[in-house]
Amino acid sequence: MLRLIATVAALSAALVLVLPAAASAPPVGKLPKGPVTTVHAQKGTRVAIALPQLKGLSWRLARQVDSKVVVQTGEGVVGTSVVITFRTKAAGHTKVIYAATRGESTVARAAQTLDVTVR
């Protein structure tokens, strides 16, 4: 019985630590017009989007991406840009749209789109 209580307590503690991590920022609202980069790629290759660093703003994924087509594999700063890389997974089409917001605000100050078609 003591083992069962210890197991339940450990599981409860683990859920308390995991559940807050699942919370996300509020969705980004209306997007301003911004540059669109169109890419045609083969399955299994990598594509990237370079977002300029904007003082006081953070780039956030603004819309859902079809994860059957592309999946994010990396993110880093290169010079004055934030570069986000994706691996193409299957034939299809998706748009990867980022918005620059102040913190977790729903107001987008800038936007950029990577329009990906995978063959």
PDB file of N, CA and C in Angstrom:
ATOM      1  N   MET A   1       0.824  -1.196   0.000  1.00  0.00           N
ATOM      2  CA  MET A   1       0.000   0.000   0.000  1.00  0.00           C
ATOM      3  C   MET A   1       0.866   1.256   0.000  1.00  0.00           C
ATOM      4  N   LEU A   2       1.955   1.207   0.785  1.00  0.00           N
ATOM      5  CA  LEU A   2       2.862   2.347   0.862  1.00  0.00           C
ATOM      6  C   LEU A   2       3.507   2.613  -0.506  1.00  0.00           C
ATOM      7  N   ARG A   3       3.819   1.534  -1.224  1.00  0.00           N
ATOM      8  CA  ARG A   3       4.403   1.675  -2.561  1.00  0.00           C
ATOM      9  C   ARG A   3       3.402   2.339  -3.506  1.00  0.00           C
ATOM     10  N   LEU A   4       2.137   1.998  -3.431  1.00  0.00           N
ATOM     11  CA  LEU A   4       1.096   2.591  -4.272  1.00  0.00           C
ATOM     12  C   LEU A   4       0.965   4.091  -3.978  1.00  0.00           C
ATOM     13  N   ILE A   5       0.974   4.464  -2.719  1.00  0.00           N
ATOM     14  CA  ILE A   5       0.872   5.875  -2.335  1.00  0.00           C
ATOM     15  C   ILE A   5       2.087   6.649  -2.860  1.00  0.00           C
ATOM     16  N   ALA A   6       3.273   6.069  -2.747  1.00  0.00           N
ATOM     17  CA  ALA A   6       4.492   6.723  -3.231  1.00  0.00           C
ATOM     18  C   ALA A   6       4.436   6.897  -4.744  1.00  0.00           C
ATOM     19  N   THR A   7       3.933   5.896  -5.461  1.00  0.00           N
ATOM     20  CA  THR A   7       3.832   5.969  -6.915  1.00  0.00           C
ATOM     21  C   THR A   7       2.851   7.059  -7.341  1.00  0.00           C
ATOM     22  N   VAL A   8       1.695   7.112  -6.685  1.00  0.00           N
ATOM     23  CA  VAL A   8       0.693   8.135  -6.997  1.00  0.00           C
ATOM     24  C   VAL A   8       1.244   9.533  -6.694  1.00  0.00           C
ATOM     25  N   ALA A   9       1.944   9.675  -5.589  1.00  0.00           N
ATOM     26  CA  ALA A   9       2.534  10.971  -5.234  1.00  0.00           C
ATOM     27  C   ALA A   9       3.579  11.390  -6.267  1.00  0.00           C
ATOM     28  N   ALA A  10       4.417  10.464  -6.704  1.00  0.00           N
ATOM     29  CA  ALA A  10       5.446  10.781  -7.701  1.00  0.00           C
ATOM     30  C   ALA A  10       4.812  11.159  -9.032  1.00  0.00           C
ATOM     31  N   LEU A  11       3.772  10.436  -9.434  1.00  0.00           N
ATOM     32  CA  LEU A  11       3.073  10.738 -10.682  1.00  0.00           C
ATOM     33  C   LEU A  11       2.404  12.103 -10.609  1.00  0.00           C
ATOM     34  N   SER A  12       1.794  12.416  -9.499  1.00  0.00           N
ATOM     35  CA  SER A  12       1.153  13.725  -9.313  1.00  0.00           C
ATOM     36  C   SER A  12       2.177  14.850  -9.395  1.00  0.00           C
ATOM     37  N   ALA A  13       3.317  14.652  -8.765  1.00  0.00           N
ATOM     38  CA  ALA A  13       4.380  15.671  -8.801  1.00  0.00           C
ATOM     39  C   ALA A  13       4.875  15.857 -10.233  1.00  0.00           C
ATOM     40  N   ALA A  14       5.014  14.778 -10.974  1.00  0.00           N
ATOM     41  CA  ALA A  14       5.471  14.871 -12.369  1.00  0.00           C
ATOM     42  C   ALA A  14       4.470  15.643 -13.216  1.00  0.00           C
ATOM     43  N   LEU A  15       3.188  15.402 -13.016  1.00  0.00           N
ATOM     44  CA  LEU A  15       2.155  16.115 -13.780  1.00  0.00           C
ATOM     45  C   LEU A  15       2.153  17.603 -13.453  1.00  0.00           C
ATOM     46  N   VAL A  16       2.390  17.956 -12.203  1.00  0.00           N
ATOM     47  CA  VAL A  16       2.443  19.362 -11.807  1.00  0.00           C
ATOM     48  C   VAL A  16       3.580  20.054 -12.544  1.00  0.00           C
ATOM     49  N   LEU A  17       4.693  19.368 -12.744  1.00  0.00           N
ATOM     50  CA  LEU A  17       5.833  19.959 -13.438  1.00  0.00           C
ATOM     51  C   LEU A  17       5.620  20.022 -14.939  1.00  0.00           C
ATOM     52  N   VAL A  18       4.902  19.068 -15.516  1.00  0.00           N
ATOM     53  CA  VAL A  18       4.720  18.998 -16.963  1.00  0.00           C
ATOM     54  C   VAL A  18       3.574  19.875 -17.446  1.00  0.00           C
ATOM     55  N   LEU A  19       2.471  19.910 -16.760  1.00  0.00           N
ATOM     56  CA  LEU A  19       1.296  20.612 -17.249  1.00  0.00           C
ATOM     57  C   LEU A  19       1.518  22.103 -17.491  1.00  0.00           C
ATOM     58  N   PRO A  20       2.189  22.853 -16.629  1.00  0.00           N
ATOM     59  CA  PRO A  20       2.411  24.262 -16.930  1.00  0.00           C
ATOM     60  C   PRO A  20       3.231  24.472 -18.197  1.00  0.00           C
ATOM     61  N   ALA A  21       4.108  23.536 -18.536  1.00  0.00           N
ATOM     62  CA  ALA A  21       4.921  23.668 -19.734  1.00  0.00           C
ATOM     63  C   ALA A  21       4.067  23.573 -20.989  1.00  0.00           C
ATOM     64  N   ALA A  22       2.899  22.975 -20.906  1.00  0.00           N
ATOM     65  CA  ALA A  22       2.033  22.833 -22.061  1.00  0.00           C
ATOM     66  C   ALA A  22       1.270  24.122 -22.364  1.00  0.00           C
ATOM     67  N   ALA A  23       1.240  25.040 -21.416  1.00  0.00           N
ATOM     68  CA  ALA A  23       0.549  26.304 -21.637  1.00  0.00           C
ATOM     69  C   ALA A  23       1.252  27.073 -22.740  1.00  0.00           C
ATOM     70  N   SER A  24       0.491  27.829 -23.518  1.00  0.00           N
ATOM     71  CA  SER A  24       1.102  28.571 -24.611  1.00  0.00           C
ATOM     72  C   SER A  24       0.624  30.010 -24.589  1.00  0.00           C
ATOM     73  N   ALA A  25       1.310  30.834 -25.354  1.00  0.00           N
ATOM     74  CA  ALA A  25       0.942  32.238 -25.465  1.00  0.00           C
ATOM     75  C   ALA A  25      -0.385  32.350 -26.218  1.00  0.00           C
ATOM     76  N   PRO A  26      -1.107  33.457 -26.022  1.00  0.00           N
ATOM     77  CA  PRO A  26      -2.354  33.631 -26.773  1.00  0.00           C
ATOM     78  C   PRO A  26      -2.062  33.724 -28.263  1.00  0.00           C
ATOM     79  N   PRO A  27      -2.986  33.319 -29.105  1.00  0.00           N
ATOM     80  CA  PRO A  27      -2.746  33.359 -30.544  1.00  0.00           C
ATOM     81  C   PRO A  27      -2.554  34.794 -31.041  1.00  0.00           C
ATOM     82  N   VAL A  28      -1.747  34.912 -32.073  1.00  0.00           N
ATOM     83  CA  VAL A  28      -1.505  36.216 -32.692  1.00  0.00           C
ATOM     84  C   VAL A  28      -2.722  36.575 -33.530  1.00  0.00           C
ATOM     85  N   GLY A  29      -3.127  37.833 -33.451  1.00  0.00           N
ATOM     86  CA  GLY A  29      -4.300  38.297 -34.201  1.00  0.00           C
ATOM     87  C   GLY A  29      -3.976  38.622 -35.650  1.00  0.00           C
ATOM     88  N   LYS A  30      -4.569  39.693 -36.141  1.00  0.00           N
ATOM     89  CA  LYS A  30      -4.406  40.112 -37.530  1.00  0.00           C
ATOM     90  C   LYS A  30      -2.931  40.374 -37.824  1.00  0.00           C
ATOM     91  N   LEU A  31      -2.492  39.918 -38.998  1.00  0.00           N
ATOM     92  CA  LEU A  31      -1.087  40.066 -39.381  1.00  0.00           C
ATOM     93  C   LEU A  31      -0.900  41.202 -40.370  1.00  0.00           C
ATOM     94  N   PRO A  32       0.134  42.019 -40.183  1.00  0.00           N
ATOM     95  CA  PRO A  32       0.438  43.042 -41.183  1.00  0.00           C
ATOM     96  C   PRO A  32       1.043  42.364 -42.414  1.00  0.00           C
ATOM     97  N   LYS A  33       1.003  43.060 -43.556  1.00  0.00           N
ATOM     98  CA  LYS A  33       1.629  42.501 -44.748  1.00  0.00           C
ATOM     99  C   LYS A  33       3.128  42.455 -44.525  1.00  0.00           C
ATOM    100  N   GLY A  34       3.722  41.387 -44.993  1.00  0.00           N
ATOM    101  CA  GLY A  34       5.158  41.227 -44.859  1.00  0.00           C
ATOM    102  C   GLY A  34       5.688  40.399 -46.004  1.00  0.00           C
ATOM    103  N   PRO A  35       6.992  40.243 -46.077  1.00  0.00           N
ATOM    104  CA  PRO A  35       7.574  39.485 -47.176  1.00  0.00           C
ATOM    105  C   PRO A  35       7.171  38.014 -47.154  1.00  0.00           C
ATOM    106  N   VAL A  36       7.031  37.453 -48.353  1.00  0.00           N
ATOM    107  CA  VAL A  36       6.712  36.034 -48.525  1.00  0.00           C
ATOM    108  C   VAL A  36       7.840  35.419 -49.347  1.00  0.00           C
ATOM    109  N   THR A  37       8.450  34.376 -48.809  1.00  0.00           N
ATOM    110  CA  THR A  37       9.489  33.643 -49.520  1.00  0.00           C
ATOM    111  C   THR A  37       8.901  32.311 -49.944  1.00  0.00           C
ATOM    112  N   THR A  38       8.931  32.032 -51.260  1.00  0.00           N
ATOM    113  CA  THR A  38       8.388  30.791 -51.786  1.00  0.00           C
ATOM    114  C   THR A  38       9.526  29.813 -52.035  1.00  0.00           C
ATOM    115  N   VAL A  39       9.357  28.584 -51.531  1.00  0.00           N
ATOM    116  CA  VAL A  39      10.391  27.555 -51.653  1.00  0.00           C
ATOM    117  C   VAL A  39       9.757  26.282 -52.194  1.00  0.00           C
ATOM    118  N   HIS A  40      10.439  25.676 -53.183  1.00  0.00           N
ATOM    119  CA  HIS A  40      10.072  24.348 -53.687  1.00  0.00           C
ATOM    120  C   HIS A  40      11.229  23.441 -53.305  1.00  0.00           C
ATOM    121  N   ALA A  41      10.951  22.383 -52.549  1.00  0.00           N
ATOM    122  CA  ALA A  41      12.023  21.530 -52.039  1.00  0.00           C
ATOM    123  C   ALA A  41      11.660  20.059 -52.195  1.00  0.00           C
ATOM    124  N   GLN A  42      12.687  19.235 -52.194  1.00  0.00           N
ATOM    125  CA  GLN A  42      12.503  17.792 -52.226  1.00  0.00           C
ATOM    126  C   GLN A  42      12.287  17.275 -50.810  1.00  0.00           C
ATOM    127  N   LYS A  43      11.569  16.185 -50.695  1.00  0.00           N
ATOM    128  CA  LYS A  43      11.359  15.532 -49.401  1.00  0.00           C
ATOM    129  C   LYS A  43      12.718  15.183 -48.792  1.00  0.00           C
ATOM    130  N   GLY A  44      12.876  15.474 -47.487  1.00  0.00           N
ATOM    131  CA  GLY A  44      14.098  15.141 -46.776  1.00  0.00           C
ATOM    132  C   GLY A  44      15.142  16.243 -46.763  1.00  0.00           C
ATOM    133  N   THR A  45      14.892  17.347 -47.455  1.00  0.00           N
ATOM    134  CA  THR A  45      15.855  18.449 -47.449  1.00  0.00           C
ATOM    135  C   THR A  45      15.497  19.443 -46.349  1.00  0.00           C
ATOM    136  N   ARG A  46      16.349  20.429 -46.170  1.00  0.00           N
ATOM    137  CA  ARG A  46      16.120  21.460 -45.148  1.00  0.00           C
ATOM    138  C   ARG A  46      15.846  22.799 -45.821  1.00  0.00           C
ATOM    139  N   VAL A  47      14.952  23.556 -45.196  1.00  0.00           N
ATOM    140  CA  VAL A  47      14.651  24.916 -45.632  1.00  0.00           C
ATOM    141  C   VAL A  47      14.744  25.815 -44.399  1.00  0.00           C
ATOM    142  N   ALA A  48      14.940  27.116 -44.641  1.00  0.00           N
ATOM    143  CA  ALA A  48      15.107  28.023 -43.504  1.00  0.00           C
ATOM    144  C   ALA A  48      14.444  29.360 -43.786  1.00  0.00           C
ATOM    145  N   ILE A  49      14.131  30.066 -42.719  1.00  0.00           N
ATOM    146  CA  ILE A  49      13.626  31.427 -42.803  1.00  0.00           C
ATOM    147  C   ILE A  49      14.512  32.280 -41.894  1.00  0.00           C
ATOM    148  N   ALA A  50      14.929  33.437 -42.418  1.00  0.00           N
ATOM    149  CA  ALA A  50      15.763  34.363 -41.649  1.00  0.00           C
ATOM    150  C   ALA A  50      14.903  35.561 -41.252  1.00  0.00           C
ATOM    151  N   LEU A  51      14.778  35.779 -39.965  1.00  0.00           N
ATOM    152  CA  LEU A  51      13.953  36.856 -39.430  1.00  0.00           C
ATOM    153  C   LEU A  51      14.864  37.910 -38.808  1.00  0.00           C
ATOM    154  N   PRO A  52      14.703  39.178 -39.178  1.00  0.00           N
ATOM    155  CA  PRO A  52      15.578  40.201 -38.618  1.00  0.00           C
ATOM    156  C   PRO A  52      15.301  40.396 -37.129  1.00  0.00           C
ATOM    157  N   GLN A  53      16.362  40.617 -36.356  1.00  0.00           N
ATOM    158  CA  GLN A  53      16.167  40.923 -34.941  1.00  0.00           C
ATOM    159  C   GLN A  53      15.605  42.336 -34.850  1.00  0.00           C
ATOM    160  N   LEU A  54      14.489  42.475 -34.139  1.00  0.00           N
ATOM    161  CA  LEU A  54      13.826  43.769 -33.992  1.00  0.00           C
ATOM    162  C   LEU A  54      13.830  44.141 -32.516  1.00  0.00           C
ATOM    163  N   LYS A  55      14.380  45.283 -32.194  1.00  0.00           N
ATOM    164  CA  LYS A  55      14.533  45.704 -30.806  1.00  0.00           C
ATOM    165  C   LYS A  55      13.182  45.722 -30.079  1.00  0.00           C
ATOM    166  N   GLY A  56      13.117  45.008 -28.957  1.00  0.00           N
ATOM    167  CA  GLY A  56      11.919  44.979 -28.126  1.00  0.00           C
ATOM    168  C   GLY A  56      10.841  44.020 -28.598  1.00  0.00           C
ATOM    169  N   LEU A  57      11.084  43.316 -29.711  1.00  0.00           N
ATOM    170  CA  LEU A  57      10.077  42.398 -30.257  1.00  0.00           C
ATOM    171  C   LEU A  57      10.624  40.974 -30.291  1.00  0.00           C
ATOM    172  N   SER A  58       9.713  40.015 -30.227  1.00  0.00           N
ATOM    173  CA  SER A  58      10.064  38.597 -30.323  1.00  0.00           C
ATOM    174  C   SER A  58       9.299  37.984 -31.483  1.00  0.00           C
ATOM    175  N   TRP A  59       9.969  37.116 -32.232  1.00  0.00           N
ATOM    176  CA  TRP A  59       9.302  36.408 -33.319  1.00  0.00           C
ATOM    177  C   TRP A  59       8.594  35.186 -32.748  1.00  0.00           C
ATOM    178  N   ARG A  60       7.301  35.047 -33.102  1.00  0.00           N
ATOM    179  CA  ARG A  60       6.487  33.909 -32.667  1.00  0.00           C
ATOM    180  C   ARG A  60       5.830  33.269 -33.872  1.00  0.00           C
ATOM    181  N   LEU A  61       5.685  31.960 -33.814  1.00  0.00           N
ATOM    182  CA  LEU A  61       4.935  31.265 -34.850  1.00  0.00           C
ATOM    183  C   LEU A  61       3.499  31.754 -34.763  1.00  0.00           C
ATOM    184  N   ALA A  62       2.989  32.331 -35.852  1.00  0.00           N
ATOM    185  CA  ALA A  62       1.688  32.991 -35.804  1.00  0.00           C
ATOM    186  C   ALA A  62       0.521  32.094 -36.210  1.00  0.00           C
ATOM    187  N   ARG A  63       0.800  31.108 -37.021  1.00  0.00           N
ATOM    188  CA  ARG A  63      -0.252  30.214 -37.500  1.00  0.00           C
ATOM    189  C   ARG A  63       0.241  28.775 -37.440  1.00  0.00           C
ATOM    190  N   GLN A  64      -0.702  27.852 -37.415  1.00  0.00           N
ATOM    191  CA  GLN A  64      -0.363  26.435 -37.346  1.00  0.00           C
ATOM    192  C   GLN A  64       0.316  25.994 -38.643  1.00  0.00           C
ATOM    193  N   VAL A  65       1.315  25.131 -38.505  1.00  0.00           N
ATOM    194  CA  VAL A  65       2.068  24.600 -39.642  1.00  0.00           C
ATOM    195  C   VAL A  65       1.684  23.133 -39.814  1.00  0.00           C
ATOM    196  N   ASP A  66       1.567  22.683 -41.064  1.00  0.00           N
ATOM    197  CA  ASP A  66       1.270  21.274 -41.315  1.00  0.00           C
ATOM    198  C   ASP A  66       2.525  20.455 -41.020  1.00  0.00           C
ATOM    199  N   SER A  67       2.551  19.809 -39.865  1.00  0.00           N
ATOM    200  CA  SER A  67       3.734  19.060 -39.427  1.00  0.00           C
ATOM    201  C   SER A  67       3.934  17.771 -40.221  1.00  0.00           C
ATOM    202  N   LYS A  68       2.985  17.428 -41.083  1.00  0.00           N
ATOM    203  CA  LYS A  68       3.195  16.287 -41.978  1.00  0.00           C
ATOM    204  C   LYS A  68       4.108  16.689 -43.130  1.00  0.00           C
ATOM    205  N   VAL A  69       4.174  18.000 -43.413  1.00  0.00           N
ATOM    206  CA  VAL A  69       4.964  18.512 -44.534  1.00  0.00           C
ATOM    207  C   VAL A  69       6.346  18.978 -44.067  1.00  0.00           C
ATOM    208  N   VAL A  70       6.408  19.783 -43.005  1.00  0.00           N
ATOM    209  CA  VAL A  70       7.696  20.258 -42.473  1.00  0.00           C
ATOM    210  C   VAL A  70       7.686  20.179 -40.952  1.00  0.00           C
ATOM    211  N   VAL A  71       8.888  20.065 -40.377  1.00  0.00           N
ATOM    212  CA  VAL A  71       9.045  20.060 -38.929  1.00  0.00           C
ATOM    213  C   VAL A  71      10.270  20.908 -38.592  1.00  0.00           C
ATOM    214  N   GLN A  72      10.144  21.736 -37.553  1.00  0.00           N
ATOM    215  CA  GLN A  72      11.264  22.585 -37.157  1.00  0.00           C
ATOM    216  C   GLN A  72      12.382  21.737 -36.585  1.00  0.00           C
ATOM    217  N   THR A  73      13.622  22.043 -37.025  1.00  0.00           N
ATOM    218  CA  THR A  73      14.775  21.285 -36.547  1.00  0.00           C
ATOM    219  C   THR A  73      15.786  22.147 -35.807  1.00  0.00           C
ATOM    220  N   GLY A  74      15.694  23.455 -35.958  1.00  0.00           N
ATOM    221  CA  GLY A  74      16.678  24.286 -35.279  1.00  0.00           C
ATOM    222  C   GLY A  74      16.319  25.755 -35.292  1.00  0.00           C
ATOM    223  N   GLU A  75      17.031  26.503 -34.450  1.00  0.00           N
ATOM    224  CA  GLU A  75      16.842  27.941 -34.346  1.00  0.00           C
ATOM    225  C   GLU A  75      18.136  28.531 -33.805  1.00  0.00           C
ATOM    226  N   GLY A  76      18.569  29.630 -34.398  1.00  0.00           N
ATOM    227  CA  GLY A  76      19.789  30.250 -33.916  1.00  0.00           C
ATOM    228  C   GLY A  76      19.934  31.661 -34.452  1.00  0.00           C
ATOM    229  N   VAL A  77      20.885  32.385 -33.893  1.00  0.00           N
ATOM    230  CA  VAL A  77      21.163  33.750 -34.323  1.00  0.00           C
ATOM    231  C   VAL A  77      22.372  33.709 -35.247  1.00  0.00           C
ATOM    232  N   VAL A  78      22.210  34.284 -36.437  1.00  0.00           N
ATOM    233  CA  VAL A  78      23.293  34.390 -37.408  1.00  0.00           C
ATOM    234  C   VAL A  78      23.395  35.860 -37.786  1.00  0.00           C
ATOM    235  N   GLY A  79      24.453  36.504 -37.327  1.00  0.00           N
ATOM    236  CA  GLY A  79      24.597  37.941 -37.570  1.00  0.00           C
ATOM    237  C   GLY A  79      23.480  38.697 -36.872  1.00  0.00           C
ATOM    238  N   THR A  80      22.679  39.412 -37.656  1.00  0.00           N
ATOM    239  CA  THR A  80      21.564  40.186 -37.094  1.00  0.00           C
ATOM    240  C   THR A  80      20.216  39.523 -37.347  1.00  0.00           C
ATOM    241  N   SER A  81      20.238  38.239 -37.686  1.00  0.00           N
ATOM    242  CA  SER A  81      18.989  37.521 -37.992  1.00  0.00           C
ATOM    243  C   SER A  81      18.792  36.326 -37.072  1.00  0.00           C
ATOM    244  N   VAL A  82      17.532  36.002 -36.850  1.00  0.00           N
ATOM    245  CA  VAL A  82      17.152  34.754 -36.189  1.00  0.00           C
ATOM    246  C   VAL A  82      16.814  33.795 -37.326  1.00  0.00           C
ATOM    247  N   VAL A  83      17.546  32.698 -37.424  1.00  0.00           N
ATOM    248  CA  VAL A  83      17.343  31.739 -38.505  1.00  0.00           C
ATOM    249  C   VAL A  83      16.685  30.498 -37.937  1.00  0.00           C
ATOM    250  N   ILE A  84      15.567  30.111 -38.546  1.00  0.00           N
ATOM    251  CA  ILE A  84      14.821  28.935 -38.099  1.00  0.00           C
ATOM    252  C   ILE A  84      14.829  27.934 -39.244  1.00  0.00           C
ATOM    253  N   THR A  85      15.266  26.708 -38.942  1.00  0.00           N
ATOM    254  CA  THR A  85      15.375  25.682 -39.977  1.00  0.00           C
ATOM    255  C   THR A  85      14.303  24.617 -39.812  1.00  0.00           C
ATOM    256  N   PHE A  86      13.913  24.052 -40.954  1.00  0.00           N
ATOM    257  CA  PHE A  86      12.881  23.021 -41.011  1.00  0.00           C
ATOM    258  C   PHE A  86      13.369  21.887 -41.903  1.00  0.00           C
ATOM    259  N   ARG A  87      12.920  20.682 -41.596  1.00  0.00           N
ATOM    260  CA  ARG A  87      13.171  19.518 -42.450  1.00  0.00           C
ATOM    261  C   ARG A  87      11.871  19.180 -43.151  1.00  0.00           C
ATOM    262  N   THR A  88      11.953  18.958 -44.461  1.00  0.00           N
ATOM    263  CA  THR A  88      10.758  18.582 -45.215  1.00  0.00           C
ATOM    264  C   THR A  88      10.513  17.088 -45.014  1.00  0.00           C
ATOM    265  N   LYS A  89       9.265  16.735 -44.750  1.00  0.00           N
ATOM    266  CA  LYS A  89       8.941  15.348 -44.404  1.00  0.00           C
ATOM    267  C   LYS A  89       8.198  14.606 -45.503  1.00  0.00           C
ATOM    268  N   ALA A  90       7.258  15.271 -46.169  1.00  0.00           N
ATOM    269  CA  ALA A  90       6.424  14.580 -47.150  1.00  0.00           C
ATOM    270  C   ALA A  90       5.927  15.587 -48.178  1.00  0.00           C
ATOM    271  N   ALA A  91       5.527  15.068 -49.324  1.00  0.00           N
ATOM    272  CA  ALA A  91       4.990  15.930 -50.373  1.00  0.00           C
ATOM    273  C   ALA A  91       3.759  16.673 -49.852  1.00  0.00           C
ATOM    274  N   GLY A  92       3.667  17.942 -50.215  1.00  0.00           N
ATOM    275  CA  GLY A  92       2.533  18.746 -49.785  1.00  0.00           C
ATOM    276  C   GLY A  92       2.887  20.222 -49.782  1.00  0.00           C
ATOM    277  N   HIS A  93       2.012  20.995 -49.193  1.00  0.00           N
ATOM    278  CA  HIS A  93       2.187  22.449 -49.164  1.00  0.00           C
ATOM    279  C   HIS A  93       1.814  22.964 -47.777  1.00  0.00           C
ATOM    280  N   THR A  94       2.578  23.914 -47.272  1.00  0.00           N
ATOM    281  CA  THR A  94       2.253  24.566 -46.012  1.00  0.00           C
ATOM    282  C   THR A  94       2.879  25.949 -45.992  1.00  0.00           C
ATOM    283  N   LYS A  95       2.344  26.791 -45.151  1.00  0.00           N
ATOM    284  CA  LYS A  95       2.909  28.115 -44.931  1.00  0.00           C
ATOM    285  C   LYS A  95       3.403  28.187 -43.496  1.00  0.00           C
ATOM    286  N   VAL A  96       4.617  28.700 -43.340  1.00  0.00           N
ATOM    287  CA  VAL A  96       5.199  28.922 -42.030  1.00  0.00           C
ATOM    288  C   VAL A  96       5.176  30.432 -41.829  1.00  0.00           C
ATOM    289  N   ILE A  97       4.340  30.904 -40.907  1.00  0.00           N
ATOM    290  CA  ILE A  97       4.140  32.344 -40.729  1.00  0.00           C
ATOM    291  C   ILE A  97       4.589  32.749 -39.331  1.00  0.00           C
ATOM    292  N   TYR A  98       5.508  33.710 -39.294  1.00  0.00           N
ATOM    293  CA  TYR A  98       6.000  34.252 -38.026  1.00  0.00           C
ATOM    294  C   TYR A  98       5.547  35.694 -37.883  1.00  0.00           C
ATOM    295  N   ALA A  99       5.262  36.079 -36.646  1.00  0.00           N
ATOM    296  CA  ALA A  99       4.872  37.448 -36.338  1.00  0.00           C
ATOM    297  C   ALA A  99       5.771  37.979 -35.233  1.00  0.00           C
ATOM    298  N   ALA A 100       6.128  39.233 -35.342  1.00  0.00           N
ATOM    299  CA  ALA A 100       6.929  39.894 -34.305  1.00  0.00           C
ATOM    300  C   ALA A 100       5.956  40.594 -33.359  1.00  0.00           C
ATOM    301  N   THR A 101       6.033  40.230 -32.083  1.00  0.00           N
ATOM    302  CA  THR A 101       5.146  40.824 -31.077  1.00  0.00           C
ATOM    303  C   THR A 101       5.976  41.307 -29.893  1.00  0.00           C
ATOM    304  N   ARG A 102       5.381  42.162 -29.112  1.00  0.00           N
ATOM    305  CA  ARG A 102       6.005  42.617 -27.870  1.00  0.00           C
ATOM    306  C   ARG A 102       5.555  41.639 -26.787  1.00  0.00           C
ATOM    307  N   GLY A 103       6.468  40.761 -26.362  1.00  0.00           N
ATOM    308  CA  GLY A 103       6.114  39.735 -25.380  1.00  0.00           C
ATOM    309  C   GLY A 103       5.091  38.764 -25.953  1.00  0.00           C
ATOM    310  N   GLU A 104       4.078  38.451 -25.174  1.00  0.00           N
ATOM    311  CA  GLU A 104       3.045  37.521 -25.610  1.00  0.00           C
ATOM    312  C   GLU A 104       1.793  38.247 -26.090  1.00  0.00           C
ATOM    313  N   SER A 105       1.958  39.472 -26.540  1.00  0.00           N
ATOM    314  CA  SER A 105       0.843  40.263 -27.059  1.00  0.00           C
ATOM    315  C   SER A 105       0.231  39.581 -28.278  1.00  0.00           C
ATOM    316  N   THR A 106      -1.026  39.841 -28.523  1.00  0.00           N
ATOM    317  CA  THR A 106      -1.696  39.310 -29.710  1.00  0.00           C
ATOM    318  C   THR A 106      -1.546  40.247 -30.903  1.00  0.00           C
ATOM    319  N   VAL A 107      -0.949  41.428 -30.682  1.00  0.00           N
ATOM    320  CA  VAL A 107      -0.782  42.422 -31.745  1.00  0.00           C
ATOM    321  C   VAL A 107       0.549  42.191 -32.455  1.00  0.00           C
ATOM    322  N   ALA A 108       0.480  41.896 -33.751  1.00  0.00           N
ATOM    323  CA  ALA A 108       1.685  41.669 -34.557  1.00  0.00           C
ATOM    324  C   ALA A 108       2.183  42.994 -35.115  1.00  0.00           C
ATOM    325  N   ARG A 109       3.464  43.267 -34.925  1.00  0.00           N
ATOM    326  CA  ARG A 109       4.089  44.493 -35.445  1.00  0.00           C
ATOM    327  C   ARG A 109       4.714  44.254 -36.812  1.00  0.00           C
ATOM    328  N   ALA A 110       5.071  43.002 -37.105  1.00  0.00           N
ATOM    329  CA  ALA A 110       5.664  42.627 -38.391  1.00  0.00           C
ATOM    330  C   ALA A 110       5.355  41.158 -38.627  1.00  0.00           C
ATOM    331  N   ALA A 111       5.440  40.730 -39.870  1.00  0.00           N
ATOM    332  CA  ALA A 111       5.189  39.326 -40.195  1.00  0.00           C
ATOM    333  C   ALA A 111       6.072  38.906 -41.365  1.00  0.00           C
ATOM    334  N   GLN A 112       6.401  37.626 -41.401  1.00  0.00           N
ATOM    335  CA  GLN A 112       7.125  37.033 -42.521  1.00  0.00           C
ATOM    336  C   GLN A 112       6.584  35.636 -42.753  1.00  0.00           C
ATOM    337  N   THR A 113       6.524  35.260 -44.032  1.00  0.00           N
ATOM    338  CA  THR A 113       5.961  33.964 -44.419  1.00  0.00           C
ATOM    339  C   THR A 113       6.944  33.177 -45.251  1.00  0.00           C
ATOM    340  N   LEU A 114       7.062  31.885 -44.942  1.00  0.00           N
ATOM    341  CA  LEU A 114       7.805  30.936 -45.762  1.00  0.00           C
ATOM    342  C   LEU A 114       6.759  30.009 -46.370  1.00  0.00           C
ATOM    343  N   ASP A 115       6.555  30.106 -47.674  1.00  0.00           N
ATOM    344  CA  ASP A 115       5.550  29.323 -48.395  1.00  0.00           C
ATOM    345  C   ASP A 115       6.277  28.120 -48.998  1.00  0.00           C
ATOM    346  N   VAL A 116       6.037  26.928 -48.424  1.00  0.00           N
ATOM    347  CA  VAL A 116       6.815  25.738 -48.778  1.00  0.00           C
ATOM    348  C   VAL A 116       5.965  24.723 -49.542  1.00  0.00           C
ATOM    349  N   THR A 117       6.498  24.292 -50.693  1.00  0.00           N
ATOM    350  CA  THR A 117       5.915  23.196 -51.442  1.00  0.00           C
ATOM    351  C   THR A 117       6.963  22.086 -51.516  1.00  0.00           C
ATOM    352  N   VAL A 118       6.589  20.902 -51.058  1.00  0.00           N
ATOM    353  CA  VAL A 118       7.510  19.763 -51.040  1.00  0.00           C
ATOM    354  C   VAL A 118       7.082  18.783 -52.108  1.00  0.00           C
ATOM    355  N   ARG A 119       8.054  18.324 -52.912  1.00  0.00           N
ATOM    356  CA  ARG A 119       7.798  17.333 -53.978  1.00  0.00           C
ATOM    357  C   ARG A 119       8.301  15.977 -53.541  1.00  0.00           C
TER     358      ARG A 119
END
